[in-house]
């Protein structure tokens, strides 16, 4: 599944470069399912949700980002 993760990362980069926020959002959500501890991915999803005007995961992502930041401090 590292190959699937790498393929999904490539898709995300492609969608972001083409400014396709909807597909980038789907891709970043899939990547977070593979790796829920990547702060940058979660922050990217928060930005994409704001851009798309949706609020599906924000109530989970913002507190989770705070927890992950605290864990990395120690």
Protein backbone atom coordinates (compact mmCIF):
# COMPACT_ATOMS: atom_id res chain seq x y z
CA UNK A 1 0.00 0.00 0.00
CA UNK A 2 2.99 2.32 -0.05
CA UNK A 3 2.52 2.30 -3.81
CA UNK A 4 -1.14 3.32 -3.40
CA UNK A 5 -0.07 6.11 -1.02
CA UNK A 6 2.56 7.34 -3.47
CA UNK A 7 0.09 7.25 -6.36
CA UNK A 8 -2.42 9.25 -4.32
CA UNK A 9 0.26 11.82 -3.45
CA UNK A 10 1.03 12.24 -7.14
CA UNK A 11 -2.67 12.73 -7.87
CA UNK A 12 -2.92 15.36 -5.14
CA UNK A 13 0.03 17.29 -6.52
CA UNK A 14 -1.47 17.14 -10.02
CA UNK A 15 -4.88 18.37 -8.84
CA UNK A 16 -3.33 21.18 -6.80
CA UNK A 17 -1.21 22.31 -9.76
CA UNK A 18 -4.34 22.33 -11.97
CA UNK A 19 -6.28 24.20 -9.25
CA UNK A 20 -8.90 21.44 -9.13
CA UNK A 21 -9.94 21.87 -5.49
CA UNK A 22 -12.73 19.28 -5.51
CA UNK A 23 -10.53 16.42 -6.70
CA UNK A 24 -7.64 17.61 -4.53
CA UNK A 25 -9.99 17.48 -1.54
CA UNK A 26 -10.98 13.89 -2.34
CA UNK A 27 -7.35 12.94 -2.78
CA UNK A 28 -6.15 14.55 0.46
CA UNK A 29 -8.97 12.85 2.36
CA UNK A 30 -7.81 9.50 1.00
CA UNK A 31 -4.22 10.27 2.00
CA UNK A 32 -5.34 11.13 5.53
CA UNK A 33 -7.04 7.73 5.73
CA UNK A 34 -3.66 6.18 4.98
CA UNK A 35 -1.75 8.47 7.36
CA UNK A 36 -3.89 10.31 9.95
CA UNK A 37 -0.78 11.68 11.69
CA UNK A 38 0.46 13.95 8.89
CA UNK A 39 -0.27 17.49 10.08
CA UNK A 40 0.42 19.01 6.67
CA UNK A 41 -2.22 16.84 5.00
CA UNK A 42 -4.80 17.73 7.63
CA UNK A 43 -4.00 21.43 7.29
CA UNK A 44 -4.33 21.09 3.52
CA UNK A 45 -7.78 19.53 3.94
CA UNK A 46 -8.85 22.42 6.21
CA UNK A 47 -7.71 24.92 3.55
CA UNK A 48 -9.49 23.01 0.78
CA UNK A 49 -12.72 22.81 2.80
CA UNK A 50 -12.57 26.56 3.33
CA UNK A 51 -11.99 27.10 -0.39
CA UNK A 52 -14.86 24.78 -1.33
CA UNK A 53 -17.20 26.21 1.29
CA UNK A 54 -17.79 22.91 3.07
CA UNK A 55 -17.34 21.97 6.70
CA UNK A 56 -17.33 18.19 6.78
CA UNK A 57 -14.13 17.36 8.69
CA UNK A 58 -13.14 20.70 10.22
CA UNK A 59 -14.68 19.95 13.61
CA UNK A 60 -12.40 16.91 13.81
CA UNK A 61 -9.33 18.27 12.05
CA UNK A 62 -8.74 21.44 14.08
CA UNK A 63 -8.60 19.68 17.48
CA UNK A 64 -6.58 16.83 15.97
CA UNK A 65 -4.01 19.31 14.63
CA UNK A 66 -3.69 20.78 18.12
CA UNK A 67 -3.10 17.34 19.64
CA UNK A 68 -0.51 16.44 17.02
CA UNK A 69 1.35 19.71 17.58
CA UNK A 70 1.43 19.06 21.33
CA UNK A 71 2.72 15.53 20.77
CA UNK A 72 5.54 16.76 18.54
CA UNK A 73 6.67 19.26 21.17
CA UNK A 74 7.55 16.49 23.62
